[in-house]
């Protein structure tokens, strides 16, 4: 199911786990992505946010 792209919340339900923590503790190592990918995604998000803030500041009346 993980390889098919089923999200962790749905997987929790299908597996009958009482919490998503149980699912992550048991199957987290099989989930796609890793720390490097997560860091790159966060960096890209923050850069986009920073760019939007700078553009908004330029458009603001002085």
PDB file of N, CA and C in Angstrom:
ATOM      1  N   UNK A   1       0.821  -1.194   0.000  1.00  0.00           N
ATOM      2  CA  UNK A   1       0.000   0.000   0.000  1.00  0.00           C
ATOM      3  C   UNK A   1       0.869   1.263   0.000  1.00  0.00           C
ATOM      4  N   UNK A   2       1.945   1.230   0.752  1.00  0.00           N
ATOM      5  CA  UNK A   2       2.852   2.385   0.787  1.00  0.00           C
ATOM      6  C   UNK A   2       3.457   2.613  -0.593  1.00  0.00           C
ATOM      7  N   UNK A   3       3.914   1.545  -1.225  1.00  0.00           N
ATOM      8  CA  UNK A   3       4.498   1.651  -2.563  1.00  0.00           C
ATOM      9  C   UNK A   3       3.473   2.147  -3.578  1.00  0.00           C
ATOM     10  N   UNK A   4       2.204   1.866  -3.338  1.00  0.00           N
ATOM     11  CA  UNK A   4       1.144   2.314  -4.239  1.00  0.00           C
ATOM     12  C   UNK A   4       0.783   3.777  -4.005  1.00  0.00           C
ATOM     13  N   UNK A   5       1.319   4.366  -2.932  1.00  0.00           N
ATOM     14  CA  UNK A   5       1.076   5.783  -2.675  1.00  0.00           C
ATOM     15  C   UNK A   5      -0.046   6.069  -1.698  1.00  0.00           C
ATOM     16  N   UNK A   6      -0.542   5.052  -0.997  1.00  0.00           N
ATOM     17  CA  UNK A   6      -1.590   5.276  -0.002  1.00  0.00           C
ATOM     18  C   UNK A   6      -1.005   6.128   1.123  1.00  0.00           C
ATOM     19  N   UNK A   7      -1.727   7.181   1.508  1.00  0.00           N
ATOM     20  CA  UNK A   7      -1.190   8.054   2.550  1.00  0.00           C
ATOM     21  C   UNK A   7      -1.272   7.390   3.919  1.00  0.00           C
ATOM     22  N   UNK A   8      -0.488   7.911   4.848  1.00  0.00           N
ATOM     23  CA  UNK A   8      -0.344   7.293   6.166  1.00  0.00           C
ATOM     24  C   UNK A   8      -1.660   7.256   6.934  1.00  0.00           C
ATOM     25  N   UNK A   9      -2.495   8.257   6.783  1.00  0.00           N
ATOM     26  CA  UNK A   9      -3.769   8.287   7.507  1.00  0.00           C
ATOM     27  C   UNK A   9      -4.663   7.143   7.043  1.00  0.00           C
ATOM     28  N   UNK A  10      -4.766   6.969   5.743  1.00  0.00           N
ATOM     29  CA  UNK A  10      -5.575   5.870   5.206  1.00  0.00           C
ATOM     30  C   UNK A  10      -4.968   4.532   5.594  1.00  0.00           C
ATOM     31  N   UNK A  11      -3.661   4.444   5.562  1.00  0.00           N
ATOM     32  CA  UNK A  11      -2.982   3.207   5.937  1.00  0.00           C
ATOM     33  C   UNK A  11      -3.294   2.845   7.389  1.00  0.00           C
ATOM     34  N   UNK A  12      -3.327   3.842   8.257  1.00  0.00           N
ATOM     35  CA  UNK A  12      -3.673   3.622   9.661  1.00  0.00           C
ATOM     36  C   UNK A  12      -5.042   2.965   9.783  1.00  0.00           C
ATOM     37  N   UNK A  13      -5.998   3.481   9.029  1.00  0.00           N
ATOM     38  CA  UNK A  13      -7.348   2.930   9.050  1.00  0.00           C
ATOM     39  C   UNK A  13      -7.373   1.507   8.517  1.00  0.00           C
ATOM     40  N   UNK A  14      -6.753   1.292   7.377  1.00  0.00           N
ATOM     41  CA  UNK A  14      -6.751  -0.045   6.767  1.00  0.00           C
ATOM     42  C   UNK A  14      -6.068  -1.083   7.655  1.00  0.00           C
ATOM     43  N   UNK A  15      -5.006  -0.667   8.351  1.00  0.00           N
ATOM     44  CA  UNK A  15      -4.255  -1.605   9.184  1.00  0.00           C
ATOM     45  C   UNK A  15      -4.925  -1.821  10.540  1.00  0.00           C
ATOM     46  N   UNK A  16      -5.907  -0.984  10.865  1.00  0.00           N
ATOM     47  CA  UNK A  16      -6.605  -1.120  12.140  1.00  0.00           C
ATOM     48  C   UNK A  16      -5.824  -0.581  13.324  1.00  0.00           C
ATOM     49  N   UNK A  17      -4.876   0.305  13.050  1.00  0.00           N
ATOM     50  CA  UNK A  17      -4.102   0.902  14.136  1.00  0.00           C
ATOM     51  C   UNK A  17      -4.944   1.947  14.854  1.00  0.00           C
ATOM     52  N   UNK A  18      -4.740   2.059  16.153  1.00  0.00           N
ATOM     53  CA  UNK A  18      -5.508   3.031  16.927  1.00  0.00           C
ATOM     54  C   UNK A  18      -4.988   4.449  16.747  1.00  0.00           C
ATOM     55  N   UNK A  19      -3.749   4.584  16.278  1.00  0.00           N
ATOM     56  CA  UNK A  19      -3.204   5.918  16.047  1.00  0.00           C
ATOM     57  C   UNK A  19      -2.196   5.881  14.906  1.00  0.00           C
ATOM     58  N   UNK A  20      -2.013   7.044  14.297  1.00  0.00           N
ATOM     59  CA  UNK A  20      -1.063   7.144  13.198  1.00  0.00           C
ATOM     60  C   UNK A  20       0.369   6.948  13.694  1.00  0.00           C
ATOM     61  N   UNK A  21       0.580   7.212  14.972  1.00  0.00           N
ATOM     62  CA  UNK A  21       1.902   6.993  15.560  1.00  0.00           C
ATOM     63  C   UNK A  21       2.307   5.530  15.445  1.00  0.00           C
ATOM     64  N   UNK A  22       1.366   4.653  15.688  1.00  0.00           N
ATOM     65  CA  UNK A  22       1.633   3.224  15.562  1.00  0.00           C
ATOM     66  C   UNK A  22       2.055   2.891  14.138  1.00  0.00           C
ATOM     67  N   UNK A  23       1.337   3.453  13.175  1.00  0.00           N
ATOM     68  CA  UNK A  23       1.650   3.207  11.768  1.00  0.00           C
ATOM     69  C   UNK A  23       3.045   3.694  11.432  1.00  0.00           C
ATOM     70  N   UNK A  24       3.381   4.921  11.837  1.00  0.00           N
ATOM     71  CA  UNK A  24       4.714   5.464  11.551  1.00  0.00           C
ATOM     72  C   UNK A  24       5.808   4.686  12.273  1.00  0.00           C
ATOM     73  N   UNK A  25       5.540   4.307  13.519  1.00  0.00           N
ATOM     74  CA  UNK A  25       6.543   3.527  14.250  1.00  0.00           C
ATOM     75  C   UNK A  25       6.811   2.194  13.559  1.00  0.00           C
ATOM     76  N   UNK A  26       5.767   1.591  13.030  1.00  0.00           N
ATOM     77  CA  UNK A  26       5.891   0.261  12.433  1.00  0.00           C
ATOM     78  C   UNK A  26       6.391   0.319  10.987  1.00  0.00           C
ATOM     79  N   UNK A  27       5.886   1.280  10.201  1.00  0.00           N
ATOM     80  CA  UNK A  27       6.152   1.300   8.759  1.00  0.00           C
ATOM     81  C   UNK A  27       6.856   2.555   8.259  1.00  0.00           C
ATOM     82  N   UNK A  28       7.233   3.448   9.156  1.00  0.00           N
ATOM     83  CA  UNK A  28       7.842   4.721   8.759  1.00  0.00           C
ATOM     84  C   UNK A  28       9.064   4.573   7.887  1.00  0.00           C
ATOM     85  N   UNK A  29       9.852   3.534   8.139  1.00  0.00           N
ATOM     86  CA  UNK A  29      11.071   3.339   7.351  1.00  0.00           C
ATOM     87  C   UNK A  29      10.762   3.006   5.890  1.00  0.00           C
ATOM     88  N   UNK A  30       9.525   2.626   5.619  1.00  0.00           N
ATOM     89  CA  UNK A  30       9.133   2.298   4.244  1.00  0.00           C
ATOM     90  C   UNK A  30       8.526   3.489   3.508  1.00  0.00           C
ATOM     91  N   UNK A  31       8.242   4.561   4.242  1.00  0.00           N
ATOM     92  CA  UNK A  31       7.611   5.733   3.636  1.00  0.00           C
ATOM     93  C   UNK A  31       8.610   6.421   2.710  1.00  0.00           C
ATOM     94  N   UNK A  32       8.102   6.962   1.603  1.00  0.00           N
ATOM     95  CA  UNK A  32       8.999   7.643   0.672  1.00  0.00           C
ATOM     96  C   UNK A  32       9.574   8.916   1.279  1.00  0.00           C
ATOM     97  N   UNK A  33      10.714   9.310   0.767  1.00  0.00           N
ATOM     98  CA  UNK A  33      11.356  10.535   1.221  1.00  0.00           C
ATOM     99  C   UNK A  33      12.354  10.251   2.324  1.00  0.00           C
ATOM    100  N   UNK A  34      13.181  11.221   2.575  1.00  0.00           N
ATOM    101  CA  UNK A  34      14.169  11.107   3.637  1.00  0.00           C
ATOM    102  C   UNK A  34      14.485  12.496   4.156  1.00  0.00           C
ATOM    103  N   UNK A  35      15.390  12.589   5.080  1.00  0.00           N
ATOM    104  CA  UNK A  35      15.710  13.871   5.695  1.00  0.00           C
ATOM    105  C   UNK A  35      16.248  14.885   4.683  1.00  0.00           C
ATOM    106  N   UNK A  36      17.076  14.429   3.751  1.00  0.00           N
ATOM    107  CA  UNK A  36      17.623  15.346   2.746  1.00  0.00           C
ATOM    108  C   UNK A  36      16.514  15.911   1.865  1.00  0.00           C
ATOM    109  N   UNK A  37      15.589  15.039   1.459  1.00  0.00           N
ATOM    110  CA  UNK A  37      14.472  15.500   0.634  1.00  0.00           C
ATOM    111  C   UNK A  37      13.596  16.464   1.418  1.00  0.00           C
ATOM    112  N   UNK A  38      13.328  16.159   2.674  1.00  0.00           N
ATOM    113  CA  UNK A  38      12.505  17.032   3.514  1.00  0.00           C
ATOM    114  C   UNK A  38      13.160  18.396   3.669  1.00  0.00           C
ATOM    115  N   UNK A  39      14.459  18.423   3.894  1.00  0.00           N
ATOM    116  CA  UNK A  39      15.186  19.686   4.036  1.00  0.00           C
ATOM    117  C   UNK A  39      15.121  20.495   2.746  1.00  0.00           C
ATOM    118  N   UNK A  40      15.272  19.845   1.615  1.00  0.00           N
ATOM    119  CA  UNK A  40      15.215  20.541   0.322  1.00  0.00           C
ATOM    120  C   UNK A  40      13.813  21.108   0.077  1.00  0.00           C
ATOM    121  N   UNK A  41      12.783  20.352   0.417  1.00  0.00           N
ATOM    122  CA  UNK A  41      11.411  20.840   0.256  1.00  0.00           C
ATOM    123  C   UNK A  41      11.152  22.054   1.144  1.00  0.00           C
ATOM    124  N   UNK A  42      11.615  21.998   2.379  1.00  0.00           N
ATOM    125  CA  UNK A  42      11.444  23.133   3.297  1.00  0.00           C
ATOM    126  C   UNK A  42      12.217  24.346   2.803  1.00  0.00           C
ATOM    127  N   UNK A  43      13.441  24.159   2.355  1.00  0.00           N
ATOM    128  CA  UNK A  43      14.228  25.273   1.816  1.00  0.00           C
ATOM    129  C   UNK A  43      13.513  25.939   0.644  1.00  0.00           C
ATOM    130  N   UNK A  44      12.974  25.140  -0.267  1.00  0.00           N
ATOM    131  CA  UNK A  44      12.275  25.681  -1.430  1.00  0.00           C
ATOM    132  C   UNK A  44      11.026  26.454  -0.998  1.00  0.00           C
ATOM    133  N   UNK A  45      10.299  25.922  -0.027  1.00  0.00           N
ATOM    134  CA  UNK A  45       9.099  26.596   0.468  1.00  0.00           C
ATOM    135  C   UNK A  45       9.467  27.948   1.084  1.00  0.00           C
ATOM    136  N   UNK A  46      10.482  27.947   1.934  1.00  0.00           N
ATOM    137  CA  UNK A  46      10.887  29.192   2.581  1.00  0.00           C
ATOM    138  C   UNK A  46      11.393  30.224   1.572  1.00  0.00           C
ATOM    139  N   UNK A  47      12.086  29.779   0.553  1.00  0.00           N
ATOM    140  CA  UNK A  47      12.556  30.699  -0.490  1.00  0.00           C
ATOM    141  C   UNK A  47      11.371  31.325  -1.222  1.00  0.00           C
ATOM    142  N   UNK A  48      10.373  30.510  -1.564  1.00  0.00           N
ATOM    143  CA  UNK A  48       9.175  31.052  -2.230  1.00  0.00           C
ATOM    144  C   UNK A  48       8.466  32.060  -1.331  1.00  0.00           C
ATOM    145  N   UNK A  49       8.352  31.736  -0.052  1.00  0.00           N
ATOM    146  CA  UNK A  49       7.687  32.622   0.903  1.00  0.00           C
ATOM    147  C   UNK A  49       8.448  33.936   1.035  1.00  0.00           C
ATOM    148  N   UNK A  50       9.765  33.849   1.106  1.00  0.00           N
ATOM    149  CA  UNK A  50      10.604  35.030   1.214  1.00  0.00           C
ATOM    150  C   UNK A  50      10.466  35.896  -0.034  1.00  0.00           C
ATOM    151  N   UNK A  51      10.444  35.267  -1.194  1.00  0.00           N
ATOM    152  CA  UNK A  51      10.301  36.003  -2.448  1.00  0.00           C
ATOM    153  C   UNK A  51       8.956  36.736  -2.491  1.00  0.00           C
ATOM    154  N   UNK A  52       7.887  36.052  -2.089  1.00  0.00           N
ATOM    155  CA  UNK A  52       6.564  36.693  -2.073  1.00  0.00           C
ATOM    156  C   UNK A  52       6.554  37.888  -1.118  1.00  0.00           C
ATOM    157  N   UNK A  53       7.176  37.749   0.044  1.00  0.00           N
ATOM    158  CA  UNK A  53       7.217  38.830   1.017  1.00  0.00           C
ATOM    159  C   UNK A  53       7.990  40.033   0.463  1.00  0.00           C
ATOM    160  N   UNK A  54       9.113  39.771  -0.211  1.00  0.00           N
ATOM    161  CA  UNK A  54       9.889  40.866  -0.795  1.00  0.00           C
ATOM    162  C   UNK A  54       9.115  41.568  -1.904  1.00  0.00           C
ATOM    163  N   UNK A  55       8.409  40.785  -2.729  1.00  0.00           N
ATOM    164  CA  UNK A  55       7.605  41.390  -3.796  1.00  0.00           C
ATOM    165  C   UNK A  55       6.459  42.218  -3.222  1.00  0.00           C
ATOM    166  N   UNK A  56       5.834  41.734  -2.175  1.00  0.00           N
ATOM    167  CA  UNK A  56       4.747  42.469  -1.541  1.00  0.00           C
ATOM    168  C   UNK A  56       5.262  43.779  -0.951  1.00  0.00           C
ATOM    169  N   UNK A  57       6.456  43.760  -0.382  1.00  0.00           N
ATOM    170  CA  UNK A  57       7.044  44.968   0.188  1.00  0.00           C
ATOM    171  C   UNK A  57       7.324  45.993  -0.903  1.00  0.00           C
ATOM    172  N   UNK A  58       7.718  45.550  -2.079  1.00  0.00           N
ATOM    173  CA  UNK A  58       7.982  46.471  -3.192  1.00  0.00           C
ATOM    174  C   UNK A  58       6.696  47.107  -3.701  1.00  0.00           C
ATOM    175  N   UNK A  59       5.602  46.353  -3.637  1.00  0.00           N
ATOM    176  CA  UNK A  59       4.313  46.844  -4.133  1.00  0.00           C
ATOM    177  C   UNK A  59       3.582  47.713  -3.110  1.00  0.00           C
ATOM    178  N   UNK A  60       4.010  47.673  -1.861  1.00  0.00           N
ATOM    179  CA  UNK A  60       3.337  48.420  -0.796  1.00  0.00           C
ATOM    180  C   UNK A  60       3.585  49.905  -0.985  1.00  0.00           C
ATOM    181  N   UNK A  61       2.532  50.712  -0.743  1.00  0.00           N
ATOM    182  CA  UNK A  61       2.742  52.168  -0.847  1.00  0.00           C
ATOM    183  C   UNK A  61       3.698  52.650   0.243  1.00  0.00           C
ATOM    184  N   UNK A  62       4.533  53.631  -0.118  1.00  0.00           N
ATOM    185  CA  UNK A  62       5.492  54.138   0.871  1.00  0.00           C
ATOM    186  C   UNK A  62       4.986  55.363   1.558  1.00  0.00           C
TER     187      UNK A  62
END
